[in-house]
């Protein structure tokens, strides 16, 4: 006699895991990856709904559940074109808020580098270079040597 196992599943929304319960009371948890949809698909489906298509018709056209479309429509109505920012596209204000401290640090570093270079240039200009004249004894070590056959 073969025993047939039946599993009841329950989604754990906060973790993205699925909890499975067997008839014998044993419990297993599996991680199931969340389905991700491109922003363009979400906006296209919302525009279809705005143009008067029914929820069921749009769900069938794009092979989505009506419940998912309901969730998207709530966000679409609340935020309009700013809805569905996704992971890579965040609102500009948030991007600016993260970038400002980085740019301020960079400006501070560059100001320090400019000050350092100005001081170095000032010191370089203040140093008097040694006076060297043409043909003098200090010009080169070879100038004092005589060559054979030449009269000086």
N, C-alpha and C. Protein backbone atom coordinates (compact mmCIF):
# COMPACT_ATOMS: atom_id res chain seq x y z
N UNK A 1 0.84 -1.17 0.00
CA UNK A 1 0.00 0.00 0.00
C UNK A 1 0.90 1.25 0.00
N UNK A 2 0.65 2.15 -0.95
CA UNK A 2 1.41 3.39 -1.04
C UNK A 2 0.67 4.52 -0.35
N UNK A 3 1.45 5.29 0.42
CA UNK A 3 0.84 6.40 1.12
C UNK A 3 1.03 7.67 0.29
N UNK A 4 -0.02 8.37 0.12
CA UNK A 4 0.03 9.59 -0.66
C UNK A 4 0.19 10.78 0.28
N UNK A 5 1.18 11.60 0.01
CA UNK A 5 1.40 12.78 0.84
C UNK A 5 0.73 13.99 0.21
N UNK A 6 0.17 14.78 1.05
CA UNK A 6 -0.46 16.01 0.59
C UNK A 6 0.22 17.18 1.32
N UNK A 7 0.59 18.18 0.57
CA UNK A 7 1.25 19.35 1.17
C UNK A 7 0.34 20.56 1.03
N UNK A 8 0.14 21.25 2.12
CA UNK A 8 -0.55 22.53 2.09
C UNK A 8 0.54 23.59 2.11
N UNK A 9 0.41 24.56 1.26
CA UNK A 9 1.44 25.60 1.25
C UNK A 9 0.87 26.91 1.75
N UNK A 10 1.75 27.69 2.35
CA UNK A 10 1.37 28.99 2.88
C UNK A 10 2.52 29.94 2.58
N UNK A 11 2.22 31.07 1.98
CA UNK A 11 3.26 32.06 1.66
C UNK A 11 3.60 32.85 2.92
N UNK A 12 4.88 33.03 3.12
CA UNK A 12 5.36 33.89 4.20
C UNK A 12 5.79 35.19 3.53
N UNK A 13 4.91 36.17 3.52
CA UNK A 13 5.12 37.36 2.70
C UNK A 13 6.36 38.15 3.09
N UNK A 14 6.70 38.22 4.35
CA UNK A 14 7.84 39.05 4.75
C UNK A 14 9.18 38.47 4.31
N UNK A 15 9.26 37.15 4.17
CA UNK A 15 10.54 36.53 3.82
C UNK A 15 10.60 36.07 2.37
N UNK A 16 9.46 35.99 1.70
CA UNK A 16 9.45 35.48 0.34
C UNK A 16 9.53 33.96 0.32
N UNK A 17 9.39 33.32 1.48
CA UNK A 17 9.48 31.86 1.57
C UNK A 17 8.09 31.24 1.51
N UNK A 18 8.07 29.98 1.17
CA UNK A 18 6.82 29.22 1.19
C UNK A 18 6.96 28.15 2.26
N UNK A 19 5.95 28.08 3.12
CA UNK A 19 5.97 27.10 4.20
C UNK A 19 5.09 25.92 3.77
N UNK A 20 5.62 24.72 3.84
CA UNK A 20 4.89 23.53 3.43
C UNK A 20 4.58 22.68 4.66
N UNK A 21 3.36 22.22 4.74
CA UNK A 21 2.93 21.35 5.86
C UNK A 21 2.47 20.03 5.30
N UNK A 22 3.01 18.95 5.82
CA UNK A 22 2.60 17.61 5.41
C UNK A 22 1.45 17.10 6.28
N UNK A 23 0.81 16.01 5.86
CA UNK A 23 -0.29 15.43 6.63
C UNK A 23 0.18 14.93 7.99
N UNK A 24 1.43 14.52 8.06
CA UNK A 24 1.95 14.00 9.31
C UNK A 24 2.37 15.11 10.27
N UNK A 25 2.21 16.36 9.86
CA UNK A 25 2.54 17.47 10.74
C UNK A 25 3.94 18.02 10.53
N UNK A 26 4.71 17.38 9.64
CA UNK A 26 6.05 17.90 9.43
C UNK A 26 5.97 19.21 8.63
N UNK A 27 6.95 20.04 8.87
CA UNK A 27 6.94 21.36 8.24
C UNK A 27 8.27 21.57 7.50
N UNK A 28 8.18 22.11 6.30
CA UNK A 28 9.36 22.47 5.52
C UNK A 28 9.18 23.89 5.00
N UNK A 29 10.29 24.57 4.89
CA UNK A 29 10.25 25.92 4.35
C UNK A 29 11.17 25.99 3.14
N UNK A 30 10.64 26.51 2.05
CA UNK A 30 11.42 26.65 0.82
C UNK A 30 11.47 28.13 0.44
N UNK A 31 12.62 28.56 -0.04
CA UNK A 31 12.70 29.92 -0.56
C UNK A 31 12.32 29.89 -2.03
N UNK A 32 11.33 30.67 -2.36
CA UNK A 32 10.87 30.77 -3.73
C UNK A 32 11.16 32.19 -4.20
N UNK A 33 11.91 32.35 -5.30
CA UNK A 33 12.24 33.71 -5.74
C UNK A 33 10.99 34.48 -6.14
N UNK A 34 10.98 35.76 -5.78
CA UNK A 34 9.85 36.61 -6.14
C UNK A 34 9.92 36.94 -7.62
N UNK A 35 8.77 36.96 -8.23
CA UNK A 35 8.69 37.33 -9.64
C UNK A 35 8.88 38.83 -9.75
N UNK A 36 9.74 39.25 -10.65
CA UNK A 36 9.96 40.68 -10.87
C UNK A 36 9.49 41.03 -12.27
N UNK A 37 8.80 42.15 -12.37
CA UNK A 37 8.26 42.59 -13.64
C UNK A 37 8.89 43.92 -14.02
N UNK A 38 9.21 44.11 -15.29
CA UNK A 38 9.80 45.39 -15.71
C UNK A 38 8.82 46.54 -15.55
N UNK A 39 9.38 47.71 -15.29
CA UNK A 39 8.56 48.91 -15.10
C UNK A 39 7.70 49.17 -16.34
N UNK A 40 8.25 48.94 -17.52
CA UNK A 40 7.53 49.20 -18.76
C UNK A 40 6.25 48.35 -18.84
N UNK A 41 6.34 47.10 -18.41
CA UNK A 41 5.16 46.22 -18.42
C UNK A 41 4.09 46.78 -17.48
N UNK A 42 4.50 47.20 -16.30
CA UNK A 42 3.55 47.73 -15.33
C UNK A 42 2.86 48.98 -15.87
N UNK A 43 3.63 49.88 -16.45
CA UNK A 43 3.04 51.11 -16.98
C UNK A 43 2.13 50.80 -18.16
N UNK A 44 2.55 49.88 -19.02
CA UNK A 44 1.72 49.51 -20.18
C UNK A 44 0.39 48.94 -19.72
N UNK A 45 0.42 48.05 -18.73
CA UNK A 45 -0.84 47.46 -18.26
C UNK A 45 -1.73 48.52 -17.61
N UNK A 46 -1.12 49.46 -16.91
CA UNK A 46 -1.93 50.52 -16.28
C UNK A 46 -2.56 51.43 -17.32
N UNK A 47 -1.83 51.70 -18.38
CA UNK A 47 -2.40 52.53 -19.46
C UNK A 47 -3.52 51.79 -20.17
N UNK A 48 -3.38 50.47 -20.31
CA UNK A 48 -4.47 49.67 -20.89
C UNK A 48 -5.74 49.82 -20.04
N UNK A 49 -5.56 49.75 -18.74
CA UNK A 49 -6.72 49.91 -17.84
C UNK A 49 -7.29 51.33 -17.94
N UNK A 50 -6.41 52.32 -18.04
CA UNK A 50 -6.86 53.71 -18.17
C UNK A 50 -7.63 53.93 -19.46
N UNK A 51 -7.29 53.21 -20.52
CA UNK A 51 -7.96 53.35 -21.81
C UNK A 51 -9.31 52.63 -21.84
N UNK A 52 -9.67 51.97 -20.73
CA UNK A 52 -11.00 51.38 -20.64
C UNK A 52 -11.07 49.88 -20.76
N UNK A 53 -9.96 49.20 -20.90
CA UNK A 53 -10.01 47.73 -20.94
C UNK A 53 -10.34 47.21 -19.55
N UNK A 54 -10.98 46.06 -19.50
CA UNK A 54 -11.34 45.48 -18.21
C UNK A 54 -10.12 44.83 -17.55
N UNK A 55 -10.21 44.68 -16.23
CA UNK A 55 -9.12 44.08 -15.47
C UNK A 55 -8.86 42.66 -15.96
N UNK A 56 -9.93 41.89 -16.18
CA UNK A 56 -9.79 40.49 -16.62
C UNK A 56 -9.15 40.42 -18.01
N UNK A 57 -9.53 41.34 -18.89
CA UNK A 57 -8.99 41.35 -20.25
C UNK A 57 -7.47 41.64 -20.25
N UNK A 58 -7.07 42.64 -19.46
CA UNK A 58 -5.65 42.99 -19.38
C UNK A 58 -4.88 41.85 -18.72
N UNK A 59 -5.46 41.24 -17.70
CA UNK A 59 -4.80 40.12 -17.02
C UNK A 59 -4.56 38.97 -17.99
N UNK A 60 -5.55 38.67 -18.83
CA UNK A 60 -5.39 37.60 -19.82
C UNK A 60 -4.37 37.98 -20.88
N UNK A 61 -4.42 39.22 -21.35
CA UNK A 61 -3.51 39.66 -22.41
C UNK A 61 -2.04 39.52 -21.99
N UNK A 62 -1.75 39.90 -20.75
CA UNK A 62 -0.38 39.92 -20.27
C UNK A 62 -0.04 38.75 -19.35
N UNK A 63 -0.96 37.81 -19.23
CA UNK A 63 -0.78 36.61 -18.41
C UNK A 63 -0.37 36.97 -16.98
N UNK A 64 -1.17 37.84 -16.37
CA UNK A 64 -0.96 38.28 -14.99
C UNK A 64 -2.22 38.00 -14.19
N UNK A 65 -2.06 37.94 -12.88
CA UNK A 65 -3.26 37.74 -12.07
C UNK A 65 -3.96 39.09 -11.86
N UNK A 66 -5.28 39.07 -11.82
CA UNK A 66 -6.01 40.31 -11.56
C UNK A 66 -5.63 40.94 -10.22
N UNK A 67 -5.30 40.12 -9.24
CA UNK A 67 -4.89 40.64 -7.94
C UNK A 67 -3.61 41.47 -8.05
N UNK A 68 -2.67 41.00 -8.86
CA UNK A 68 -1.42 41.75 -9.07
C UNK A 68 -1.72 43.08 -9.75
N UNK A 69 -2.62 43.05 -10.73
CA UNK A 69 -3.01 44.29 -11.41
C UNK A 69 -3.67 45.27 -10.44
N UNK A 70 -4.48 44.75 -9.52
CA UNK A 70 -5.11 45.60 -8.50
C UNK A 70 -4.05 46.30 -7.66
N UNK A 71 -3.03 45.53 -7.27
CA UNK A 71 -1.95 46.11 -6.46
C UNK A 71 -1.22 47.20 -7.24
N UNK A 72 -0.91 46.92 -8.48
CA UNK A 72 -0.22 47.91 -9.31
C UNK A 72 -1.09 49.14 -9.53
N UNK A 73 -2.39 48.93 -9.73
CA UNK A 73 -3.29 50.07 -9.98
C UNK A 73 -3.35 50.99 -8.77
N UNK A 74 -3.30 50.41 -7.56
CA UNK A 74 -3.29 51.25 -6.36
C UNK A 74 -2.06 52.15 -6.32
N UNK A 75 -0.90 51.58 -6.65
CA UNK A 75 0.33 52.38 -6.67
C UNK A 75 0.29 53.40 -7.81
N UNK A 76 -0.26 53.00 -8.96
CA UNK A 76 -0.37 53.88 -10.13
C UNK A 76 -1.25 55.09 -9.81
N UNK A 77 -2.37 54.85 -9.14
CA UNK A 77 -3.27 55.94 -8.78
C UNK A 77 -2.65 56.87 -7.74
N UNK A 78 -1.87 56.30 -6.83
CA UNK A 78 -1.27 57.11 -5.77
C UNK A 78 -0.10 57.95 -6.27
N UNK A 79 0.72 57.40 -7.17
CA UNK A 79 1.97 58.08 -7.55
C UNK A 79 2.04 58.50 -9.01
N UNK A 80 1.15 58.01 -9.85
CA UNK A 80 1.19 58.37 -11.26
C UNK A 80 2.46 57.89 -11.94
N UNK A 81 3.09 58.78 -12.72
CA UNK A 81 4.30 58.42 -13.47
C UNK A 81 5.50 58.08 -12.57
N UNK A 82 5.45 58.47 -11.30
CA UNK A 82 6.55 58.14 -10.37
C UNK A 82 6.39 56.74 -9.77
N UNK A 83 5.31 56.06 -10.11
CA UNK A 83 5.09 54.71 -9.59
C UNK A 83 6.09 53.74 -10.21
N UNK A 84 6.29 52.64 -9.53
CA UNK A 84 7.14 51.54 -9.99
C UNK A 84 8.58 51.98 -10.25
N UNK A 85 9.26 52.55 -9.26
CA UNK A 85 10.63 52.99 -9.51
C UNK A 85 11.61 51.84 -9.70
N UNK A 86 11.30 50.66 -9.15
CA UNK A 86 12.20 49.53 -9.29
C UNK A 86 13.45 49.70 -8.45
N UNK A 87 14.43 48.82 -8.65
CA UNK A 87 15.66 48.87 -7.87
C UNK A 87 16.62 49.90 -8.41
N UNK A 88 16.70 50.02 -9.72
CA UNK A 88 17.69 50.90 -10.31
C UNK A 88 17.24 52.34 -10.48
N UNK A 89 15.97 52.56 -10.64
CA UNK A 89 15.47 53.91 -10.89
C UNK A 89 14.75 54.43 -9.66
N UNK A 90 15.44 55.24 -8.90
CA UNK A 90 14.83 55.83 -7.71
C UNK A 90 14.52 57.28 -7.99
N UNK A 91 13.61 57.86 -7.23
CA UNK A 91 13.28 59.28 -7.45
C UNK A 91 14.54 60.15 -7.34
N UNK A 92 14.57 61.20 -8.15
CA UNK A 92 15.75 62.06 -8.24
C UNK A 92 16.12 62.69 -6.90
N UNK A 93 15.14 63.06 -6.10
CA UNK A 93 15.44 63.69 -4.80
C UNK A 93 16.24 62.75 -3.90
N UNK A 94 15.90 61.48 -3.94
CA UNK A 94 16.62 60.50 -3.12
C UNK A 94 18.05 60.32 -3.63
N UNK A 95 18.21 60.29 -4.95
CA UNK A 95 19.54 60.17 -5.54
C UNK A 95 20.39 61.38 -5.17
N UNK A 96 19.79 62.57 -5.25
CA UNK A 96 20.52 63.79 -4.90
C UNK A 96 20.93 63.79 -3.44
N UNK A 97 20.04 63.35 -2.56
CA UNK A 97 20.34 63.33 -1.13
C UNK A 97 21.51 62.41 -0.82
N UNK A 98 21.64 61.33 -1.56
CA UNK A 98 22.76 60.41 -1.34
C UNK A 98 24.04 60.94 -1.97
N UNK A 99 23.93 61.69 -3.03
CA UNK A 99 25.11 62.16 -3.76
C UNK A 99 25.73 63.41 -3.15
N UNK A 100 24.94 64.26 -2.49
CA UNK A 100 25.44 65.52 -1.94
C UNK A 100 26.59 65.32 -0.96
N UNK A 101 26.49 64.44 0.04
CA UNK A 101 27.63 64.26 0.95
C UNK A 101 28.90 63.78 0.23
N UNK A 102 28.73 62.92 -0.75
CA UNK A 102 29.88 62.44 -1.52
C UNK A 102 30.56 63.58 -2.26
N UNK A 103 29.77 64.45 -2.87
CA UNK A 103 30.33 65.57 -3.60
C UNK A 103 30.97 66.59 -2.67
N UNK A 104 30.38 66.79 -1.48
CA UNK A 104 30.97 67.70 -0.50
C UNK A 104 32.34 67.19 -0.04
N UNK A 105 32.46 65.89 0.18
CA UNK A 105 33.76 65.31 0.55
C UNK A 105 34.78 65.53 -0.56
N UNK A 106 34.35 65.32 -1.78
CA UNK A 106 35.25 65.49 -2.92
C UNK A 106 35.72 66.94 -3.04
N UNK A 107 34.80 67.89 -2.85
CA UNK A 107 35.16 69.31 -2.91
C UNK A 107 36.17 69.64 -1.81
N UNK A 108 35.96 69.14 -0.61
CA UNK A 108 36.89 69.37 0.49
C UNK A 108 38.27 68.82 0.19
N UNK A 109 38.31 67.62 -0.37
CA UNK A 109 39.60 67.01 -0.72
C UNK A 109 40.32 67.83 -1.79
N UNK A 110 39.58 68.27 -2.80
CA UNK A 110 40.19 69.05 -3.86
C UNK A 110 40.67 70.41 -3.35
N UNK A 111 39.93 71.02 -2.42
CA UNK A 111 40.37 72.28 -1.83
C UNK A 111 41.69 72.11 -1.09
N UNK A 112 41.82 71.00 -0.36
CA UNK A 112 43.07 70.72 0.35
C UNK A 112 44.23 70.53 -0.64
N UNK A 113 43.96 69.81 -1.73
CA UNK A 113 44.99 69.59 -2.74
C UNK A 113 45.42 70.91 -3.39
N UNK A 114 44.47 71.79 -3.66
CA UNK A 114 44.79 73.10 -4.26
C UNK A 114 45.65 73.92 -3.31
N UNK A 115 45.29 73.94 -2.03
CA UNK A 115 46.09 74.67 -1.03
C UNK A 115 47.52 74.13 -0.98
N UNK A 116 47.65 72.82 -0.97
CA UNK A 116 48.98 72.20 -0.93
C UNK A 116 49.80 72.61 -2.16
N UNK A 117 49.19 72.54 -3.32
CA UNK A 117 49.92 72.88 -4.54
C UNK A 117 50.27 74.37 -4.60
N UNK A 118 49.41 75.23 -4.09
CA UNK A 118 49.72 76.66 -4.04
C UNK A 118 50.93 76.92 -3.15
N UNK A 119 50.97 76.27 -1.99
CA UNK A 119 52.11 76.44 -1.07
C UNK A 119 53.40 75.92 -1.70
N UNK A 120 53.32 74.78 -2.36
CA UNK A 120 54.50 74.21 -3.01
C UNK A 120 55.01 75.13 -4.11
N UNK A 121 54.09 75.70 -4.89
CA UNK A 121 54.48 76.62 -5.96
C UNK A 121 55.10 77.88 -5.38
N UNK A 122 54.54 78.41 -4.29
CA UNK A 122 55.09 79.60 -3.63
C UNK A 122 56.51 79.34 -3.14
N UNK A 123 56.73 78.19 -2.51
CA UNK A 123 58.07 77.84 -2.03
C UNK A 123 59.05 77.69 -3.18
N UNK A 124 58.60 77.09 -4.25
CA UNK A 124 59.45 76.90 -5.42
C UNK A 124 59.87 78.25 -6.01
N UNK A 125 58.90 79.19 -6.09
CA UNK A 125 59.21 80.52 -6.64
C UNK A 125 60.13 81.32 -5.72
N UNK A 126 60.02 81.11 -4.40
CA UNK A 126 60.83 81.86 -3.45
C UNK A 126 62.29 81.40 -3.44
N UNK A 127 62.55 80.18 -3.82
CA UNK A 127 63.93 79.69 -3.87
C UNK A 127 64.67 80.36 -5.02
N UNK A 128 65.87 80.89 -4.71
CA UNK A 128 66.68 81.53 -5.74
C UNK A 128 67.52 80.45 -6.40
N UNK A 129 67.39 80.31 -7.69
CA UNK A 129 68.20 79.29 -8.37
C UNK A 129 69.67 79.71 -8.38
N UNK A 130 70.59 78.75 -8.34
CA UNK A 130 72.01 79.10 -8.37
C UNK A 130 72.37 79.80 -9.67
N UNK A 131 73.19 80.89 -9.56
CA UNK A 131 73.58 81.65 -10.75
C UNK A 131 74.67 80.90 -11.49
N UNK A 132 74.44 80.61 -12.74
CA UNK A 132 75.40 79.89 -13.56
C UNK A 132 75.59 80.72 -14.83
N UNK A 133 76.84 81.05 -15.12
CA UNK A 133 77.11 81.82 -16.34
C UNK A 133 77.73 80.94 -17.39
N UNK A 134 77.64 81.34 -18.64
CA UNK A 134 78.24 80.57 -19.73
C UNK A 134 79.76 80.63 -19.65
N UNK A 135 80.41 79.51 -19.74
CA UNK A 135 81.86 79.45 -19.75
C UNK A 135 82.50 79.61 -18.40
N UNK A 136 81.73 79.77 -17.38
CA UNK A 136 82.29 79.91 -16.04
C UNK A 136 82.78 78.57 -15.52
N UNK A 137 83.50 78.61 -14.43
CA UNK A 137 84.05 77.38 -13.87
C UNK A 137 82.96 76.50 -13.28
N UNK A 138 81.84 77.08 -12.98
CA UNK A 138 80.75 76.29 -12.39
C UNK A 138 79.81 75.70 -13.43
N UNK A 139 80.01 76.01 -14.71
CA UNK A 139 79.02 75.59 -15.69
C UNK A 139 78.97 74.08 -15.87
N UNK A 140 80.09 73.45 -16.25
CA UNK A 140 80.13 71.99 -16.35
C UNK A 140 81.53 71.52 -16.04
N UNK A 141 81.66 70.30 -15.74
CA UNK A 141 82.97 69.75 -15.43
C UNK A 141 83.80 69.57 -16.69
N UNK A 142 83.19 69.41 -17.86
CA UNK A 142 83.92 69.19 -19.09
C UNK A 142 84.51 70.48 -19.65
N UNK A 143 83.97 71.61 -19.27
CA UNK A 143 84.42 72.86 -19.88
C UNK A 143 85.86 73.20 -19.51
N UNK A 144 86.37 72.72 -18.40
CA UNK A 144 87.73 73.02 -18.00
C UNK A 144 88.77 72.14 -18.67
N UNK A 145 88.38 71.08 -19.35
CA UNK A 145 89.34 70.17 -19.98
C UNK A 145 89.73 70.69 -21.35
N UNK A 146 90.98 70.44 -21.71
CA UNK A 146 91.45 70.83 -23.03
C UNK A 146 91.45 69.63 -23.94
N UNK A 147 91.20 69.88 -25.17
CA UNK A 147 91.25 68.81 -26.15
C UNK A 147 92.56 68.88 -26.89
N UNK A 148 93.03 67.71 -27.34
CA UNK A 148 94.30 67.67 -28.08
C UNK A 148 94.13 68.34 -29.43
N UNK A 149 95.15 69.08 -29.80
CA UNK A 149 95.19 69.70 -31.12
C UNK A 149 94.45 71.01 -31.21
N UNK A 150 93.76 71.41 -30.20
CA UNK A 150 93.06 72.68 -30.26
C UNK A 150 93.78 73.70 -29.42
N UNK A 151 93.79 74.87 -29.93
CA UNK A 151 94.42 75.96 -29.18
C UNK A 151 93.31 76.82 -28.61
N UNK A 152 93.50 77.13 -27.35
CA UNK A 152 92.47 77.96 -26.74
C UNK A 152 92.88 79.38 -26.67
